[in-house]
Amino acid sequence: MSSFKGLNLFGSGPHRFRFARQGHLVTLDLFNGGSGPGSTSHGTRELEIIASGRLVATSEAALWTLRNAIRAQLTASPAAGTLIDSAGRSWTGMTLITYTESDRRDQNRVFSITYEAHFRQF
């Protein structure tokens, strides 16, 4: 079971975890006051993991409860926690930095909406 800070935020429906862009943060020397070609590495990028999937509930109200539980983790003072994926891998010191939902929710026998949540290790 996946979790963030011990909360099962994504378990209502199918979801997956993936790494965001990894590697060095590189800028062109031209933007750092240089005059010629070349680039400079500013170190490695911070670890970022993306959780994407679908929240699924049996009613509109239950779907809002799931959505609000994730949004509650977007606090004014970001609080880091442990992120665990569905395969049991864990990353400590992760912070939920963005949460995006699709532009519509689906309604059939269940209510659902797709999402993408970005976690970063500062």
PDB file of N, CA and C in Angstrom:
ATOM      1  N   MET A   1       0.850  -1.184   0.000  1.00  0.00           N
ATOM      2  CA  MET A   1       0.000   0.000   0.000  1.00  0.00           C
ATOM      3  C   MET A   1       0.885   1.233   0.000  1.00  0.00           C
ATOM      4  N   SER A   2       0.596   2.180  -0.858  1.00  0.00           N
ATOM      5  CA  SER A   2       1.342   3.425  -0.894  1.00  0.00           C
ATOM      6  C   SER A   2       0.825   4.369   0.195  1.00  0.00           C
ATOM      7  N   SER A   3       1.691   5.305   0.596  1.00  0.00           N
ATOM      8  CA  SER A   3       1.266   6.265   1.610  1.00  0.00           C
ATOM      9  C   SER A   3       2.190   7.480   1.607  1.00  0.00           C
ATOM     10  N   PHE A   4       1.706   8.560   2.190  1.00  0.00           N
ATOM     11  CA  PHE A   4       2.500   9.754   2.438  1.00  0.00           C
ATOM     12  C   PHE A   4       2.215  10.183   3.877  1.00  0.00           C
ATOM     13  N   LYS A   5       3.264  10.271   4.678  1.00  0.00           N
ATOM     14  CA  LYS A   5       3.133  10.578   6.108  1.00  0.00           C
ATOM     15  C   LYS A   5       2.189   9.594   6.795  1.00  0.00           C
ATOM     16  N   GLY A   6       2.181   8.359   6.341  1.00  0.00           N
ATOM     17  CA  GLY A   6       1.326   7.331   6.921  1.00  0.00           C
ATOM     18  C   GLY A   6      -0.117   7.383   6.470  1.00  0.00           C
ATOM     19  N   LEU A   7      -0.462   8.302   5.562  1.00  0.00           N
ATOM     20  CA  LEU A   7      -1.836   8.449   5.069  1.00  0.00           C
ATOM     21  C   LEU A   7      -1.993   7.751   3.724  1.00  0.00           C
ATOM     22  N   ASN A   8      -3.042   6.986   3.574  1.00  0.00           N
ATOM     23  CA  ASN A   8      -3.339   6.302   2.320  1.00  0.00           C
ATOM     24  C   ASN A   8      -4.092   7.272   1.406  1.00  0.00           C
ATOM     25  N   LEU A   9      -3.371   8.174   0.765  1.00  0.00           N
ATOM     26  CA  LEU A   9      -4.005   9.213  -0.044  1.00  0.00           C
ATOM     27  C   LEU A   9      -4.419   8.730  -1.429  1.00  0.00           C
ATOM     28  N   PHE A  10      -3.756   7.714  -1.954  1.00  0.00           N
ATOM     29  CA  PHE A  10      -3.967   7.327  -3.347  1.00  0.00           C
ATOM     30  C   PHE A  10      -4.571   5.947  -3.527  1.00  0.00           C
ATOM     31  N   GLY A  11      -4.834   5.241  -2.450  1.00  0.00           N
ATOM     32  CA  GLY A  11      -5.259   3.849  -2.525  1.00  0.00           C
ATOM     33  C   GLY A  11      -6.672   3.605  -3.015  1.00  0.00           C
ATOM     34  N   SER A  12      -7.449   4.644  -3.246  1.00  0.00           N
ATOM     35  CA  SER A  12      -8.831   4.437  -3.684  1.00  0.00           C
ATOM     36  C   SER A  12      -8.925   3.959  -5.124  1.00  0.00           C
ATOM     37  N   GLY A  13      -7.865   4.164  -5.893  1.00  0.00           N
ATOM     38  CA  GLY A  13      -7.903   3.776  -7.298  1.00  0.00           C
ATOM     39  C   GLY A  13      -6.512   3.446  -7.804  1.00  0.00           C
ATOM     40  N   PRO A  14      -6.424   3.122  -9.086  1.00  0.00           N
ATOM     41  CA  PRO A  14      -5.118   2.792  -9.647  1.00  0.00           C
ATOM     42  C   PRO A  14      -4.198   4.005  -9.624  1.00  0.00           C
ATOM     43  N   HIS A  15      -2.926   3.768  -9.341  1.00  0.00           N
ATOM     44  CA  HIS A  15      -1.949   4.857  -9.319  1.00  0.00           C
ATOM     45  C   HIS A  15      -0.555   4.295  -9.540  1.00  0.00           C
ATOM     46  N   ARG A  16       0.344   5.177  -9.930  1.00  0.00           N
ATOM     47  CA  ARG A  16       1.734   4.787 -10.155  1.00  0.00           C
ATOM     48  C   ARG A  16       2.653   5.928  -9.737  1.00  0.00           C
ATOM     49  N   PHE A  17       3.901   5.566  -9.504  1.00  0.00           N
ATOM     50  CA  PHE A  17       4.915   6.539  -9.126  1.00  0.00           C
ATOM     51  C   PHE A  17       6.015   6.533 -10.178  1.00  0.00           C
ATOM     52  N   ARG A  18       6.567   7.703 -10.437  1.00  0.00           N
ATOM     53  CA  ARG A  18       7.696   7.793 -11.364  1.00  0.00           C
ATOM     54  C   ARG A  18       8.600   8.950 -10.929  1.00  0.00           C
ATOM     55  N   PHE A  19       9.828   8.903 -11.393  1.00  0.00           N
ATOM     56  CA  PHE A  19      10.760   9.985 -11.116  1.00  0.00           C
ATOM     57  C   PHE A  19      10.552  11.101 -12.121  1.00  0.00           C
ATOM     58  N   ALA A  20      10.690  12.333 -11.666  1.00  0.00           N
ATOM     59  CA  ALA A  20      10.704  13.478 -12.575  1.00  0.00           C
ATOM     60  C   ALA A  20      12.109  13.565 -13.176  1.00  0.00           C
ATOM     61  N   ARG A  21      12.384  14.625 -13.876  1.00  0.00           N
ATOM     62  CA  ARG A  21      13.688  14.813 -14.505  1.00  0.00           C
ATOM     63  C   ARG A  21      14.791  14.697 -13.459  1.00  0.00           C
ATOM     64  N   GLN A  22      15.822  13.952 -13.800  1.00  0.00           N
ATOM     65  CA  GLN A  22      16.960  13.758 -12.911  1.00  0.00           C
ATOM     66  C   GLN A  22      18.226  14.220 -13.622  1.00  0.00           C
ATOM     67  N   GLY A  23      19.242  14.531 -12.852  1.00  0.00           N
ATOM     68  CA  GLY A  23      20.521  14.927 -13.440  1.00  0.00           C
ATOM     69  C   GLY A  23      20.997  16.250 -12.875  1.00  0.00           C
ATOM     70  N   HIS A  24      21.824  16.925 -13.648  1.00  0.00           N
ATOM     71  CA  HIS A  24      22.408  18.199 -13.215  1.00  0.00           C
ATOM     72  C   HIS A  24      21.547  19.372 -13.667  1.00  0.00           C
ATOM     73  N   LEU A  25      21.517  20.397 -12.851  1.00  0.00           N
ATOM     74  CA  LEU A  25      20.898  21.660 -13.246  1.00  0.00           C
ATOM     75  C   LEU A  25      21.972  22.444 -13.988  1.00  0.00           C
ATOM     76  N   VAL A  26      21.768  22.672 -15.270  1.00  0.00           N
ATOM     77  CA  VAL A  26      22.774  23.293 -16.128  1.00  0.00           C
ATOM     78  C   VAL A  26      22.200  24.558 -16.742  1.00  0.00           C
ATOM     79  N   THR A  27      22.994  25.632 -16.702  1.00  0.00           N
ATOM     80  CA  THR A  27      22.605  26.872 -17.370  1.00  0.00           C
ATOM     81  C   THR A  27      23.679  27.250 -18.387  1.00  0.00           C
ATOM     82  N   LEU A  28      23.271  27.945 -19.414  1.00  0.00           N
ATOM     83  CA  LEU A  28      24.228  28.442 -20.402  1.00  0.00           C
ATOM     84  C   LEU A  28      25.038  29.565 -19.783  1.00  0.00           C
ATOM     85  N   ASP A  29      26.338  29.600 -20.066  1.00  0.00           N
ATOM     86  CA  ASP A  29      27.209  30.633 -19.513  1.00  0.00           C
ATOM     87  C   ASP A  29      26.759  32.028 -19.939  1.00  0.00           C
ATOM     88  N   LEU A  30      26.121  32.130 -21.081  1.00  0.00           N
ATOM     89  CA  LEU A  30      25.632  33.414 -21.583  1.00  0.00           C
ATOM     90  C   LEU A  30      24.699  34.080 -20.565  1.00  0.00           C
ATOM     91  N   PHE A  31      23.923  33.279 -19.838  1.00  0.00           N
ATOM     92  CA  PHE A  31      22.985  33.824 -18.857  1.00  0.00           C
ATOM     93  C   PHE A  31      23.643  34.134 -17.525  1.00  0.00           C
ATOM     94  N   ASN A  32      24.882  33.726 -17.337  1.00  0.00           N
ATOM     95  CA  ASN A  32      25.604  33.995 -16.085  1.00  0.00           C
ATOM     96  C   ASN A  32      26.658  35.079 -16.271  1.00  0.00           C
ATOM     97  N   GLY A  33      26.502  35.904 -17.283  1.00  0.00           N
ATOM     98  CA  GLY A  33      27.442  36.991 -17.521  1.00  0.00           C
ATOM     99  C   GLY A  33      28.574  36.631 -18.451  1.00  0.00           C
ATOM    100  N   GLY A  34      28.582  35.414 -18.958  1.00  0.00           N
ATOM    101  CA  GLY A  34      29.620  35.005 -19.897  1.00  0.00           C
ATOM    102  C   GLY A  34      29.326  35.526 -21.278  1.00  0.00           C
ATOM    103  N   SER A  35      30.318  35.430 -22.148  1.00  0.00           N
ATOM    104  CA  SER A  35      30.121  35.963 -23.488  1.00  0.00           C
ATOM    105  C   SER A  35      30.206  34.902 -24.575  1.00  0.00           C
ATOM    106  N   GLY A  36      30.723  33.733 -24.233  1.00  0.00           N
ATOM    107  CA  GLY A  36      30.886  32.716 -25.263  1.00  0.00           C
ATOM    108  C   GLY A  36      30.039  31.504 -25.014  1.00  0.00           C
ATOM    109  N   PRO A  37      30.261  30.471 -25.855  1.00  0.00           N
ATOM    110  CA  PRO A  37      29.517  29.242 -25.674  1.00  0.00           C
ATOM    111  C   PRO A  37      29.994  28.504 -24.422  1.00  0.00           C
ATOM    112  N   GLY A  38      29.206  27.606 -23.983  1.00  0.00           N
ATOM    113  CA  GLY A  38      29.549  26.820 -22.812  1.00  0.00           C
ATOM    114  C   GLY A  38      28.396  26.794 -21.832  1.00  0.00           C
ATOM    115  N   SER A  39      28.536  25.959 -20.836  1.00  0.00           N
ATOM    116  CA  SER A  39      27.499  25.865 -19.821  1.00  0.00           C
ATOM    117  C   SER A  39      28.133  25.511 -18.489  1.00  0.00           C
ATOM    118  N   THR A  40      27.359  25.723 -17.427  1.00  0.00           N
ATOM    119  CA  THR A  40      27.840  25.483 -16.073  1.00  0.00           C
ATOM    120  C   THR A  40      26.834  24.615 -15.327  1.00  0.00           C
ATOM    121  N   SER A  41      27.348  23.612 -14.626  1.00  0.00           N
ATOM    122  CA  SER A  41      26.501  22.781 -13.783  1.00  0.00           C
ATOM    123  C   SER A  41      26.395  23.429 -12.403  1.00  0.00           C
ATOM    124  N   HIS A  42      25.192  23.473 -11.878  1.00  0.00           N
ATOM    125  CA  HIS A  42      24.953  24.038 -10.551  1.00  0.00           C
ATOM    126  C   HIS A  42      24.641  22.946  -9.544  1.00  0.00           C
ATOM    127  N   GLY A  43      25.050  21.724  -9.846  1.00  0.00           N
ATOM    128  CA  GLY A  43      24.801  20.600  -8.958  1.00  0.00           C
ATOM    129  C   GLY A  43      23.644  19.759  -9.444  1.00  0.00           C
ATOM    130  N   THR A  44      23.371  18.697  -8.714  1.00  0.00           N
ATOM    131  CA  THR A  44      22.299  17.790  -9.121  1.00  0.00           C
ATOM    132  C   THR A  44      20.941  18.351  -8.713  1.00  0.00           C
ATOM    133  N   ARG A  45      19.957  17.992  -9.486  1.00  0.00           N
ATOM    134  CA  ARG A  45      18.580  18.410  -9.195  1.00  0.00           C
ATOM    135  C   ARG A  45      18.087  17.711  -7.933  1.00  0.00           C
ATOM    136  N   GLU A  46      17.128  18.351  -7.280  1.00  0.00           N
ATOM    137  CA  GLU A  46      16.500  17.736  -6.118  1.00  0.00           C
ATOM    138  C   GLU A  46      15.653  16.552  -6.579  1.00  0.00           C
ATOM    139  N   LEU A  47      15.562  15.530  -5.727  1.00  0.00           N
ATOM    140  CA  LEU A  47      14.745  14.369  -6.048  1.00  0.00           C
ATOM    141  C   LEU A  47      13.286  14.790  -6.129  1.00  0.00           C
ATOM    142  N   GLU A  48      12.628  14.433  -7.225  1.00  0.00           N
ATOM    143  CA  GLU A  48      11.200  14.709  -7.383  1.00  0.00           C
ATOM    144  C   GLU A  48      10.510  13.440  -7.865  1.00  0.00           C
ATOM    145  N   ILE A  49       9.450  13.069  -7.186  1.00  0.00           N
ATOM    146  CA  ILE A  49       8.680  11.883  -7.530  1.00  0.00           C
ATOM    147  C   ILE A  49       7.254  12.315  -7.845  1.00  0.00           C
ATOM    148  N   ILE A  50       6.703  11.751  -8.893  1.00  0.00           N
ATOM    149  CA  ILE A  50       5.355  12.099  -9.330  1.00  0.00           C
ATOM    150  C   ILE A  50       4.436  10.899  -9.120  1.00  0.00           C
ATOM    151  N   ALA A  51       3.351  11.131  -8.403  1.00  0.00           N
ATOM    152  CA  ALA A  51       2.310  10.115  -8.233  1.00  0.00           C
ATOM    153  C   ALA A  51       1.167  10.509  -9.155  1.00  0.00           C
ATOM    154  N   SER A  52       0.716   9.587  -9.969  1.00  0.00           N
ATOM    155  CA  SER A  52      -0.412   9.885 -10.852  1.00  0.00           C
ATOM    156  C   SER A  52      -1.371   8.703 -10.828  1.00  0.00           C
ATOM    157  N   GLY A  53      -2.645   9.020 -10.996  1.00  0.00           N
ATOM    158  CA  GLY A  53      -3.636   7.955 -10.970  1.00  0.00           C
ATOM    159  C   GLY A  53      -5.046   8.493 -11.001  1.00  0.00           C
ATOM    160  N   ARG A  54      -5.936   7.740 -10.379  1.00  0.00           N
ATOM    161  CA  ARG A  54      -7.350   8.082 -10.371  1.00  0.00           C
ATOM    162  C   ARG A  54      -7.907   7.868  -8.974  1.00  0.00           C
ATOM    163  N   LEU A  55      -8.529   8.915  -8.435  1.00  0.00           N
ATOM    164  CA  LEU A  55      -9.258   8.780  -7.174  1.00  0.00           C
ATOM    165  C   LEU A  55     -10.637   8.227  -7.502  1.00  0.00           C
ATOM    166  N   VAL A  56     -11.088   7.232  -6.758  1.00  0.00           N
ATOM    167  CA  VAL A  56     -12.363   6.567  -7.043  1.00  0.00           C
ATOM    168  C   VAL A  56     -13.176   6.496  -5.758  1.00  0.00           C
ATOM    169  N   ALA A  57     -14.468   6.876  -5.852  1.00  0.00           N
ATOM    170  CA  ALA A  57     -15.357   6.850  -4.692  1.00  0.00           C
ATOM    171  C   ALA A  57     -16.761   6.458  -5.133  1.00  0.00           C
ATOM    172  N   THR A  58     -17.575   6.079  -4.157  1.00  0.00           N
ATOM    173  CA  THR A  58     -18.936   5.636  -4.473  1.00  0.00           C
ATOM    174  C   THR A  58     -19.944   6.780  -4.518  1.00  0.00           C
ATOM    175  N   SER A  59     -19.538   7.983  -4.087  1.00  0.00           N
ATOM    176  CA  SER A  59     -20.444   9.133  -4.133  1.00  0.00           C
ATOM    177  C   SER A  59     -19.632  10.401  -4.374  1.00  0.00           C
ATOM    178  N   GLU A  60     -20.336  11.446  -4.763  1.00  0.00           N
ATOM    179  CA  GLU A  60     -19.698  12.754  -4.973  1.00  0.00           C
ATOM    180  C   GLU A  60     -19.057  13.243  -3.673  1.00  0.00           C
ATOM    181  N   ALA A  61     -19.768  13.104  -2.566  1.00  0.00           N
ATOM    182  CA  ALA A  61     -19.239  13.556  -1.268  1.00  0.00           C
ATOM    183  C   ALA A  61     -17.988  12.775  -0.875  1.00  0.00           C
ATOM    184  N   ALA A  62     -17.983  11.477  -1.126  1.00  0.00           N
ATOM    185  CA  ALA A  62     -16.815  10.658  -0.790  1.00  0.00           C
ATOM    186  C   ALA A  62     -15.616  11.029  -1.662  1.00  0.00           C
ATOM    187  N   LEU A  63     -15.877  11.384  -2.928  1.00  0.00           N
ATOM    188  CA  LEU A  63     -14.788  11.824  -3.799  1.00  0.00           C
ATOM    189  C   LEU A  63     -14.194  13.127  -3.288  1.00  0.00           C
ATOM    190  N   TRP A  64     -15.034  14.051  -2.841  1.00  0.00           N
ATOM    191  CA  TRP A  64     -14.532  15.305  -2.277  1.00  0.00           C
ATOM    192  C   TRP A  64     -13.705  15.056  -1.022  1.00  0.00           C
ATOM    193  N   THR A  65     -14.070  14.079  -0.236  1.00  0.00           N
ATOM    194  CA  THR A  65     -13.286  13.740   0.954  1.00  0.00           C
ATOM    195  C   THR A  65     -11.884  13.296   0.559  1.00  0.00           C
ATOM    196  N   LEU A  66     -11.778  12.467  -0.479  1.00  0.00           N
ATOM    197  CA  LEU A  66     -10.471  12.023  -0.962  1.00  0.00           C
ATOM    198  C   LEU A  66      -9.648  13.189  -1.500  1.00  0.00           C
ATOM    199  N   ARG A  67     -10.287  14.057  -2.273  1.00  0.00           N
ATOM    200  CA  ARG A  67      -9.596  15.213  -2.851  1.00  0.00           C
ATOM    201  C   ARG A  67      -9.092  16.142  -1.754  1.00  0.00           C
ATOM    202  N   ASN A  68      -9.940  16.389  -0.771  1.00  0.00           N
ATOM    203  CA  ASN A  68      -9.554  17.291   0.317  1.00  0.00           C
ATOM    204  C   ASN A  68      -8.438  16.728   1.189  1.00  0.00           C
ATOM    205  N   ALA A  69      -8.376  15.419   1.330  1.00  0.00           N
ATOM    206  CA  ALA A  69      -7.303  14.807   2.113  1.00  0.00           C
ATOM    207  C   ALA A  69      -5.941  15.078   1.476  1.00  0.00           C
ATOM    208  N   ILE A  70      -5.878  15.037   0.154  1.00  0.00           N
ATOM    209  CA  ILE A  70      -4.621  15.347  -0.537  1.00  0.00           C
ATOM    210  C   ILE A  70      -4.330  16.836  -0.426  1.00  0.00           C
ATOM    211  N   ARG A  71      -5.329  17.665  -0.681  1.00  0.00           N
ATOM    212  CA  ARG A  71      -5.130  19.122  -0.614  1.00  0.00           C
ATOM    213  C   ARG A  71      -4.700  19.570   0.776  1.00  0.00           C
ATOM    214  N   ALA A  72      -5.111  18.854   1.806  1.00  0.00           N
ATOM    215  CA  ALA A  72      -4.733  19.216   3.178  1.00  0.00           C
ATOM    216  C   ALA A  72      -3.232  19.097   3.398  1.00  0.00           C
ATOM    217  N   GLN A  73      -2.548  18.340   2.554  1.00  0.00           N
ATOM    218  CA  GLN A  73      -1.096  18.199   2.684  1.00  0.00           C
ATOM    219  C   GLN A  73      -0.337  19.363   2.045  1.00  0.00           C
ATOM    220  N   LEU A  74      -1.041  20.213   1.316  1.00  0.00           N
ATOM    221  CA  LEU A  74      -0.432  21.419   0.733  1.00  0.00           C
ATOM    222  C   LEU A  74      -0.557  22.552   1.745  1.00  0.00           C
ATOM    223  N   THR A  75       0.367  22.610   2.667  1.00  0.00           N
ATOM    224  CA  THR A  75       0.288  23.576   3.760  1.00  0.00           C
ATOM    225  C   THR A  75       1.171  24.778   3.485  1.00  0.00           C
ATOM    226  N   ALA A  76       0.884  25.888   4.176  1.00  0.00           N
ATOM    227  CA  ALA A  76       1.654  27.112   4.006  1.00  0.00           C
ATOM    228  C   ALA A  76       3.127  26.897   4.346  1.00  0.00           C
ATOM    229  N   SER A  77       3.385  26.136   5.379  1.00  0.00           N
ATOM    230  CA  SER A  77       4.754  25.759   5.727  1.00  0.00           C
ATOM    231  C   SER A  77       4.906  24.283   5.387  1.00  0.00           C
ATOM    232  N   PRO A  78       5.532  23.981   4.245  1.00  0.00           N
ATOM    233  CA  PRO A  78       5.619  22.587   3.817  1.00  0.00           C
ATOM    234  C   PRO A  78       6.227  21.695   4.890  1.00  0.00           C
ATOM    235  N   ALA A  79       5.564  20.583   5.144  1.00  0.00           N
ATOM    236  CA  ALA A  79       6.029  19.629   6.139  1.00  0.00           C
ATOM    237  C   ALA A  79       6.438  18.341   5.425  1.00  0.00           C
ATOM    238  N   ALA A  80       7.686  17.959   5.600  1.00  0.00           N
ATOM    239  CA  ALA A  80       8.206  16.773   4.935  1.00  0.00           C
ATOM    240  C   ALA A  80       7.740  15.505   5.639  1.00  0.00           C
ATOM    241  N   GLY A  81       7.658  14.428   4.880  1.00  0.00           N
ATOM    242  CA  GLY A  81       7.284  13.128   5.418  1.00  0.00           C
ATOM    243  C   GLY A  81       7.842  12.027   4.546  1.00  0.00           C
ATOM    244  N   THR A  82       7.525  10.814   4.889  1.00  0.00           N
ATOM    245  CA  THR A  82       7.988   9.664   4.128  1.00  0.00           C
ATOM    246  C   THR A  82       6.949   9.296   3.078  1.00  0.00           C
ATOM    247  N   LEU A  83       7.409   9.139   1.842  1.00  0.00           N
ATOM    248  CA  LEU A  83       6.565   8.719   0.730  1.00  0.00           C
ATOM    249  C   LEU A  83       6.896   7.260   0.430  1.00  0.00           C
ATOM    250  N   ILE A  84       5.870   6.412   0.411  1.00  0.00           N
ATOM    251  CA  ILE A  84       6.052   4.989   0.137  1.00  0.00           C
ATOM    252  C   ILE A  84       5.217   4.634  -1.090  1.00  0.00           C
ATOM    253  N   ASP A  85       5.853   3.994  -2.074  1.00  0.00           N
ATOM    254  CA  ASP A  85       5.097   3.610  -3.270  1.00  0.00           C
ATOM    255  C   ASP A  85       4.440   2.242  -3.074  1.00  0.00           C
ATOM    256  N   SER A  86       3.665   1.818  -4.041  1.00  0.00           N
ATOM    257  CA  SER A  86       2.900   0.582  -3.903  1.00  0.00           C
ATOM    258  C   SER A  86       3.774  -0.669  -3.928  1.00  0.00           C
ATOM    259  N   ALA A  87       5.049  -0.531  -4.272  1.00  0.00           N
ATOM    260  CA  ALA A  87       5.972  -1.664  -4.234  1.00  0.00           C
ATOM    261  C   ALA A  87       6.762  -1.702  -2.922  1.00  0.00           C
ATOM    262  N   GLY A  88       6.496  -0.743  -2.032  1.00  0.00           N
ATOM    263  CA  GLY A  88       7.156  -0.721  -0.734  1.00  0.00           C
ATOM    264  C   GLY A  88       8.429   0.099  -0.670  1.00  0.00           C
ATOM    265  N   ARG A  89       8.854   0.703  -1.782  1.00  0.00           N
ATOM    266  CA  ARG A  89      10.029   1.587  -1.749  1.00  0.00           C
ATOM    267  C   ARG A  89       9.660   2.863  -1.026  1.00  0.00           C
ATOM    268  N   SER A  90      10.587   3.404  -0.244  1.00  0.00           N
ATOM    269  CA  SER A  90      10.268   4.615   0.510  1.00  0.00           C
ATOM    270  C   SER A  90      11.342   5.671   0.340  1.00  0.00           C
ATOM    271  N   TRP A  91      10.905   6.919   0.437  1.00  0.00           N
ATOM    272  CA  TRP A  91      11.781   8.079   0.357  1.00  0.00           C
ATOM    273  C   TRP A  91      11.434   8.996   1.521  1.00  0.00           C
ATOM    274  N   THR A  92      12.415   9.325   2.325  1.00  0.00           N
ATOM    275  CA  THR A  92      12.184  10.206   3.473  1.00  0.00           C
ATOM    276  C   THR A  92      12.400  11.661   3.072  1.00  0.00           C
ATOM    277  N   GLY A  93      11.856  12.562   3.859  1.00  0.00           N
ATOM    278  CA  GLY A  93      12.046  13.988   3.634  1.00  0.00           C
ATOM    279  C   GLY A  93      11.353  14.526   2.398  1.00  0.00           C
ATOM    280  N   MET A  94      10.262  13.894   1.967  1.00  0.00           N
ATOM    281  CA  MET A  94       9.538  14.345   0.780  1.00  0.00           C
ATOM    282  C   MET A  94       8.433  15.324   1.172  1.00  0.00           C
ATOM    283  N   THR A  95       8.218  16.314   0.302  1.00  0.00           N
ATOM    284  CA  THR A  95       7.192  17.333   0.518  1.00  0.00           C
ATOM    285  C   THR A  95       6.278  17.385  -0.696  1.00  0.00           C
ATOM    286  N   LEU A  96       4.969  17.403  -0.465  1.00  0.00           N
ATOM    287  CA  LEU A  96       4.015  17.565  -1.566  1.00  0.00           C
ATOM    288  C   LEU A  96       4.085  19.020  -2.010  1.00  0.00           C
ATOM    289  N   ILE A  97       4.490  19.252  -3.265  1.00  0.00           N
ATOM    290  CA  ILE A  97       4.654  20.635  -3.726  1.00  0.00           C
ATOM    291  C   ILE A  97       3.559  21.076  -4.689  1.00  0.00           C
ATOM    292  N   THR A  98       2.995  20.144  -5.473  1.00  0.00           N
ATOM    293  CA  THR A  98       1.881  20.503  -6.351  1.00  0.00           C
ATOM    294  C   THR A  98       0.915  19.328  -6.470  1.00  0.00           C
ATOM    295  N   TYR A  99      -0.340  19.664  -6.684  1.00  0.00           N
ATOM    296  CA  TYR A  99      -1.388  18.669  -6.903  1.00  0.00           C
ATOM    297  C   TYR A  99      -2.288  19.209  -8.003  1.00  0.00           C
ATOM    298  N   THR A 100      -2.450  18.428  -9.081  1.00  0.00           N
ATOM    299  CA  THR A 100      -3.249  18.849 -10.222  1.00  0.00           C
ATOM    300  C   THR A 100      -4.272  17.772 -10.544  1.00  0.00           C
ATOM    301  N   GLU A 101      -5.508  18.193 -10.779  1.00  0.00           N
ATOM    302  CA  GLU A 101      -6.567  17.270 -11.191  1.00  0.00           C
ATOM    303  C   GLU A 101      -6.895  17.496 -12.650  1.00  0.00           C
ATOM    304  N   SER A 102      -7.514  16.489 -13.268  1.00  0.00           N
ATOM    305  CA  SER A 102      -7.963  16.654 -14.647  1.00  0.00           C
ATOM    306  C   SER A 102      -9.088  17.686 -14.685  1.00  0.00           C
ATOM    307  N   ASP A 103      -9.443  18.089 -15.861  1.00  0.00           N
ATOM    308  CA  ASP A 103     -10.447  19.145 -16.005  1.00  0.00           C
ATOM    309  C   ASP A 103     -11.881  18.657 -15.821  1.00  0.00           C
ATOM    310  N   ARG A 104     -12.070  17.362 -15.652  1.00  0.00           N
ATOM    311  CA  ARG A 104     -13.425  16.854 -15.435  1.00  0.00           C
ATOM    312  C   ARG A 104     -13.378  15.626 -14.534  1.00  0.00           C
ATOM    313  N   ARG A 105     -14.482  15.380 -13.909  1.00  0.00           N
ATOM    314  CA  ARG A 105     -14.595  14.163 -13.120  1.00  0.00           C
ATOM    315  C   ARG A 105     -15.572  13.252 -13.853  1.00  0.00           C
ATOM    316  N   ASP A 106     -15.331  11.965 -13.730  1.00  0.00           N
ATOM    317  CA  ASP A 106     -16.172  10.976 -14.404  1.00  0.00           C
ATOM    318  C   ASP A 106     -17.208  10.433 -13.430  1.00  0.00           C
ATOM    319  N   GLN A 107     -18.404  10.209 -13.961  1.00  0.00           N
ATOM    320  CA  GLN A 107     -19.498   9.700 -13.137  1.00  0.00           C
ATOM    321  C   GLN A 107     -20.175   8.565 -13.887  1.00  0.00           C
ATOM    322  N   ASN A 108     -20.133   7.411 -13.303  1.00  0.00           N
ATOM    323  CA  ASN A 108     -20.827   6.241 -13.826  1.00  0.00           C
ATOM    324  C   ASN A 108     -21.390   5.520 -12.627  1.00  0.00           C
ATOM    325  N   ARG A 109     -20.957   4.282 -12.409  1.00  0.00           N
ATOM    326  CA  ARG A 109     -21.341   3.600 -11.177  1.00  0.00           C
ATOM    327  C   ARG A 109     -20.509   4.103 -10.006  1.00  0.00           C
ATOM    328  N   VAL A 110     -19.345   4.678 -10.320  1.00  0.00           N
ATOM    329  CA  VAL A 110     -18.488   5.291  -9.310  1.00  0.00           C
ATOM    330  C   VAL A 110     -18.135   6.699  -9.762  1.00  0.00           C
ATOM    331  N   PHE A 111     -17.658   7.503  -8.844  1.00  0.00           N
ATOM    332  CA  PHE A 111     -17.214   8.856  -9.146  1.00  0.00           C
ATOM    333  C   PHE A 111     -15.691   8.830  -9.126  1.00  0.00           C
ATOM    334  N   SER A 112     -15.045   9.441 -10.124  1.00  0.00           N
ATOM    335  CA  SER A 112     -13.593   9.399 -10.160  1.00  0.00           C
ATOM    336  C   SER A 112     -13.024  10.634 -10.848  1.00  0.00           C
ATOM    337  N   ILE A 113     -11.743  10.879 -10.574  1.00  0.00           N
ATOM    338  CA  ILE A 113     -11.026  11.974 -11.209  1.00  0.00           C
ATOM    339  C   ILE A 113      -9.546  11.605 -11.254  1.00  0.00           C
ATOM    340  N   THR A 114      -8.900  11.961 -12.352  1.00  0.00           N
ATOM    341  CA  THR A 114      -7.466  11.695 -12.464  1.00  0.00           C
ATOM    342  C   THR A 114      -6.690  12.845 -11.831  1.00  0.00           C
ATOM    343  N   TYR A 115      -5.490  12.547 -11.394  1.00  0.00           N
ATOM    344  CA  TYR A 115      -4.666  13.541 -10.701  1.00  0.00           C
ATOM    345  C   TYR A 115      -3.195  13.287 -10.967  1.00  0.00           C
ATOM    346  N   GLU A 116      -2.395  14.281 -10.607  1.00  0.00           N
ATOM    347  CA  GLU A 116      -0.945  14.163 -10.593  1.00  0.00           C
ATOM    348  C   GLU A 116      -0.441  14.955  -9.394  1.00  0.00           C
ATOM    349  N   ALA A 117       0.358  14.322  -8.568  1.00  0.00           N
ATOM    350  CA  ALA A 117       0.906  14.948  -7.368  1.00  0.00           C
ATOM    351  C   ALA A 117       2.425  14.893  -7.422  1.00  0.00           C
ATOM    352  N   HIS A 118       3.067  16.035  -7.210  1.00  0.00           N
ATOM    353  CA  HIS A 118       4.531  16.115  -7.262  1.00  0.00           C
ATOM    354  C   HIS A 118       5.081  16.253  -5.845  1.00  0.00           C
ATOM    355  N   PHE A 119       6.055  15.405  -5.544  1.00  0.00           N
ATOM    356  CA  PHE A 119       6.732  15.425  -4.247  1.00  0.00           C
ATOM    357  C   PHE A 119       8.201  15.753  -4.491  1.00  0.00           C
ATOM    358  N   ARG A 120       8.768  16.597  -3.636  1.00  0.00           N
ATOM    359  CA  ARG A 120      10.176  16.972  -3.787  1.00  0.00           C
ATOM    360  C   ARG A 120      10.902  16.826  -2.472  1.00  0.00           C
ATOM    361  N   GLN A 121      12.153  16.403  -2.570  1.00  0.00           N
ATOM    362  CA  GLN A 121      13.023  16.286  -1.402  1.00  0.00           C
ATOM    363  C   GLN A 121      13.955  17.490  -1.409  1.00  0.00           C
ATOM    364  N   PHE A 122      13.674  18.458  -0.541  1.00  0.00           N
ATOM    365  CA  PHE A 122      14.478  19.694  -0.507  1.00  0.00           C
ATOM    366  C   PHE A 122      15.799  19.468   0.172  1.00  0.00           C
TER     367      PHE A 122
END
